[in-house]
Amino acid sequence: PQGIHIARDGEAVRILGAWVGNGVEQIAVWTPAIKKIRDFLSRWGRCHPSMGGKRSIVQMGPGGISQYLTTVQGMPQTVEKELTKMIRSFMWEDRSPIPISMDAMYRPTDEGGL
């Protein structure tokens, strides 16, 4: 029928927010989401938010953008490392070394985490 597209091997088709297809590279599926998160953090970084503000920004930005895609698609290890690096850079404004470990930062607030 006219208007029907049959995807080739390696071509991703978006269905309900998930990218499916035969032989689709997972990193290619994640590239637009990574760019969206990077742009999101860059915009918010120009506002110079407090640490509490940065925590909220990370939860609604990288957390929100990646959560559904991770659930339906899975997250490659390389993407996880890239997102962790972007979040660390955003939280500490590229300071090195960072004042606290990521493990300490991830703790609940009543245990000293952010």
C-alpha atoms as a PDB file:
ATOM      1  CA  PRO A   1       0.000   0.000   0.000  1.00  0.00           C
ATOM      2  CA  GLN A   2       1.008   3.544  -0.643  1.00  0.00           C
ATOM      3  CA  GLY A   3       2.550   5.437   2.296  1.00  0.00           C
ATOM      4  CA  ILE A   4       3.936   2.324   4.016  1.00  0.00           C
ATOM      5  CA  HIS A   5       7.649   2.230   4.708  1.00  0.00           C
ATOM      6  CA  ILE A   6       9.460  -1.027   5.408  1.00  0.00           C
ATOM      7  CA  ALA A   7      12.649  -0.424   7.358  1.00  0.00           C
ATOM      8  CA  ARG A   8      15.890  -1.887   6.041  1.00  0.00           C
ATOM      9  CA  ASP A   9      18.356  -3.792   8.232  1.00  0.00           C
ATOM     10  CA  GLY A  10      20.148  -1.341  10.500  1.00  0.00           C
ATOM     11  CA  GLU A  11      17.451   1.314  10.122  1.00  0.00           C
ATOM     12  CA  ALA A  12      15.737   2.359  13.343  1.00  0.00           C
ATOM     13  CA  VAL A  13      12.012   3.067  13.433  1.00  0.00           C
ATOM     14  CA  ARG A  14      10.497   4.981  16.325  1.00  0.00           C
ATOM     15  CA  ILE A  15       7.526   3.268  17.959  1.00  0.00           C
ATOM     16  CA  LEU A  16       6.083   4.750  21.169  1.00  0.00           C
ATOM     17  CA  GLY A  17       9.387   6.473  21.932  1.00  0.00           C
ATOM     18  CA  ALA A  18      11.509   3.350  21.469  1.00  0.00           C
ATOM     19  CA  TRP A  19      13.772   2.825  18.485  1.00  0.00           C
ATOM     20  CA  VAL A  20      13.412  -0.660  17.061  1.00  0.00           C
ATOM     21  CA  GLY A  21      14.834  -2.402  14.058  1.00  0.00           C
ATOM     22  CA  ASN A  22      16.977  -5.301  12.947  1.00  0.00           C
ATOM     23  CA  GLY A  23      20.672  -4.650  13.561  1.00  0.00           C
ATOM     24  CA  VAL A  24      20.215  -1.135  14.954  1.00  0.00           C
ATOM     25  CA  GLU A  25      23.267   0.324  16.714  1.00  0.00           C
ATOM     26  CA  GLN A  26      22.298   1.311  20.249  1.00  0.00           C
ATOM     27  CA  ILE A  27      24.730   4.234  20.331  1.00  0.00           C
ATOM     28  CA  ALA A  28      22.974   5.709  17.290  1.00  0.00           C
ATOM     29  CA  VAL A  29      19.662   5.493  19.145  1.00  0.00           C
ATOM     30  CA  TRP A  30      21.147   7.356  22.118  1.00  0.00           C
ATOM     31  CA  THR A  31      22.976  10.092  20.175  1.00  0.00           C
ATOM     32  CA  PRO A  32      19.964  12.479  19.934  1.00  0.00           C
ATOM     33  CA  ALA A  33      19.160  11.991  23.643  1.00  0.00           C
ATOM     34  CA  ILE A  34      22.773  12.721  24.633  1.00  0.00           C
ATOM     35  CA  LYS A  35      22.750  15.890  22.527  1.00  0.00           C
ATOM     36  CA  LYS A  36      19.439  16.960  24.058  1.00  0.00           C
ATOM     37  CA  ILE A  37      20.805  16.413  27.589  1.00  0.00           C
ATOM     38  CA  ARG A  38      24.061  18.239  26.790  1.00  0.00           C
ATOM     39  CA  ASP A  39      22.127  21.231  25.410  1.00  0.00           C
ATOM     40  CA  PHE A  40      19.758  21.177  28.401  1.00  0.00           C
ATOM     41  CA  LEU A  41      22.638  21.271  30.908  1.00  0.00           C
ATOM     42  CA  SER A  42      24.423  23.960  28.923  1.00  0.00           C
ATOM     43  CA  ARG A  43      21.351  26.230  28.973  1.00  0.00           C
ATOM     44  CA  TRP A  44      20.797  25.748  32.692  1.00  0.00           C
ATOM     45  CA  GLY A  45      24.491  26.155  33.467  1.00  0.00           C
ATOM     46  CA  ARG A  46      24.384  29.744  32.195  1.00  0.00           C
ATOM     47  CA  CYS A  47      22.019  30.593  35.098  1.00  0.00           C
ATOM     48  CA  HIS A  48      24.640  29.653  37.735  1.00  0.00           C
ATOM     49  CA  PRO A  49      22.217  27.654  39.916  1.00  0.00           C
ATOM     50  CA  SER A  50      22.942  26.654  43.516  1.00  0.00           C
ATOM     51  CA  MET A  51      23.842  23.050  44.372  1.00  0.00           C
ATOM     52  CA  GLY A  52      20.215  22.374  45.299  1.00  0.00           C
ATOM     53  CA  GLY A  53      19.117  23.902  42.009  1.00  0.00           C
ATOM     54  CA  LYS A  54      21.638  21.804  40.106  1.00  0.00           C
ATOM     55  CA  ARG A  55      20.300  18.684  41.805  1.00  0.00           C
ATOM     56  CA  SER A  56      16.763  19.506  40.628  1.00  0.00           C
ATOM     57  CA  ILE A  57      18.002  20.343  37.136  1.00  0.00           C
ATOM     58  CA  VAL A  58      19.838  16.999  36.868  1.00  0.00           C
ATOM     59  CA  GLN A  59      16.755  15.121  38.082  1.00  0.00           C
ATOM     60  CA  MET A  60      14.397  16.763  35.589  1.00  0.00           C
ATOM     61  CA  GLY A  61      16.861  16.943  32.668  1.00  0.00           C
ATOM     62  CA  PRO A  62      19.236  14.005  32.337  1.00  0.00           C
ATOM     63  CA  GLY A  63      17.079  11.908  34.678  1.00  0.00           C
ATOM     64  CA  GLY A  64      13.805  12.611  32.918  1.00  0.00           C
ATOM     65  CA  ILE A  65      15.125  12.483  29.370  1.00  0.00           C
ATOM     66  CA  SER A  66      16.988   9.211  29.839  1.00  0.00           C
ATOM     67  CA  GLN A  67      14.575   7.345  32.123  1.00  0.00           C
ATOM     68  CA  TYR A  68      11.979   6.209  29.579  1.00  0.00           C
ATOM     69  CA  LEU A  69      14.512   5.491  26.844  1.00  0.00           C
ATOM     70  CA  THR A  70      16.555   3.407  29.292  1.00  0.00           C
ATOM     71  CA  THR A  71      13.456   1.450  30.280  1.00  0.00           C
ATOM     72  CA  VAL A  72      12.397   0.603  26.732  1.00  0.00           C
ATOM     73  CA  GLN A  73      15.804   0.512  25.061  1.00  0.00           C
ATOM     74  CA  GLY A  74      18.403  -0.265  27.683  1.00  0.00           C
ATOM     75  CA  MET A  75      21.463   1.924  28.154  1.00  0.00           C
ATOM     76  CA  PRO A  76      24.862   0.993  26.746  1.00  0.00           C
ATOM     77  CA  GLN A  77      27.772   1.285  29.186  1.00  0.00           C
ATOM     78  CA  THR A  78      29.387   3.975  27.032  1.00  0.00           C
ATOM     79  CA  VAL A  79      26.255   6.125  27.291  1.00  0.00           C
ATOM     80  CA  GLU A  80      26.128   5.676  31.061  1.00  0.00           C
ATOM     81  CA  LYS A  81      29.750   6.820  31.337  1.00  0.00           C
ATOM     82  CA  GLU A  82      29.084   9.817  29.092  1.00  0.00           C
ATOM     83  CA  LEU A  83      26.022  10.883  31.108  1.00  0.00           C
ATOM     84  CA  THR A  84      27.907  10.496  34.406  1.00  0.00           C
ATOM     85  CA  LYS A  85      30.703  12.642  33.016  1.00  0.00           C
ATOM     86  CA  MET A  86      28.265  15.342  31.847  1.00  0.00           C
ATOM     87  CA  ILE A  87      26.468  15.397  35.212  1.00  0.00           C
ATOM     88  CA  ARG A  88      29.739  15.562  37.150  1.00  0.00           C
ATOM     89  CA  SER A  89      30.943  18.405  34.928  1.00  0.00           C
ATOM     90  CA  PHE A  90      27.653  20.290  35.381  1.00  0.00           C
ATOM     91  CA  MET A  91      27.515  19.809  39.151  1.00  0.00           C
ATOM     92  CA  TRP A  92      31.100  20.925  39.756  1.00  0.00           C
ATOM     93  CA  GLU A  93      31.541  23.339  36.825  1.00  0.00           C
ATOM     94  CA  ASP A  94      34.519  21.369  35.503  1.00  0.00           C
ATOM     95  CA  ARG A  95      36.437  21.735  38.796  1.00  0.00           C
ATOM     96  CA  SER A  96      39.053  19.091  39.311  1.00  0.00           C
ATOM     97  CA  PRO A  97      39.347  17.289  41.608  1.00  0.00           C
ATOM     98  CA  ILE A  98      35.736  17.313  42.697  1.00  0.00           C
ATOM     99  CA  PRO A  99      35.192  18.044  46.414  1.00  0.00           C
ATOM    100  CA  ILE A 100      33.203  14.874  47.174  1.00  0.00           C
ATOM    101  CA  SER A 101      32.976  11.451  45.582  1.00  0.00           C
ATOM    102  CA  MET A 102      30.093  10.571  43.303  1.00  0.00           C
ATOM    103  CA  ASP A 103      29.112   7.824  45.774  1.00  0.00           C
ATOM    104  CA  ALA A 104      28.750  10.431  48.527  1.00  0.00           C
ATOM    105  CA  MET A 105      26.781  12.680  46.201  1.00  0.00           C
ATOM    106  CA  TYR A 106      24.329   9.874  45.355  1.00  0.00           C
ATOM    107  CA  ARG A 107      23.507   9.141  49.008  1.00  0.00           C
ATOM    108  CA  PRO A 108      20.121  10.188  50.396  1.00  0.00           C
ATOM    109  CA  THR A 109      20.050  13.777  51.683  1.00  0.00           C
ATOM    110  CA  ASP A 110      19.653  12.633  55.296  1.00  0.00           C
ATOM    111  CA  GLU A 111      22.967  10.769  54.882  1.00  0.00           C
ATOM    112  CA  GLY A 112      24.788  13.810  53.479  1.00  0.00           C
ATOM    113  CA  GLY A 113      24.131  13.296  49.788  1.00  0.00           C
ATOM    114  CA  LEU A 114      22.656  15.724  47.330  1.00  0.00           C
END
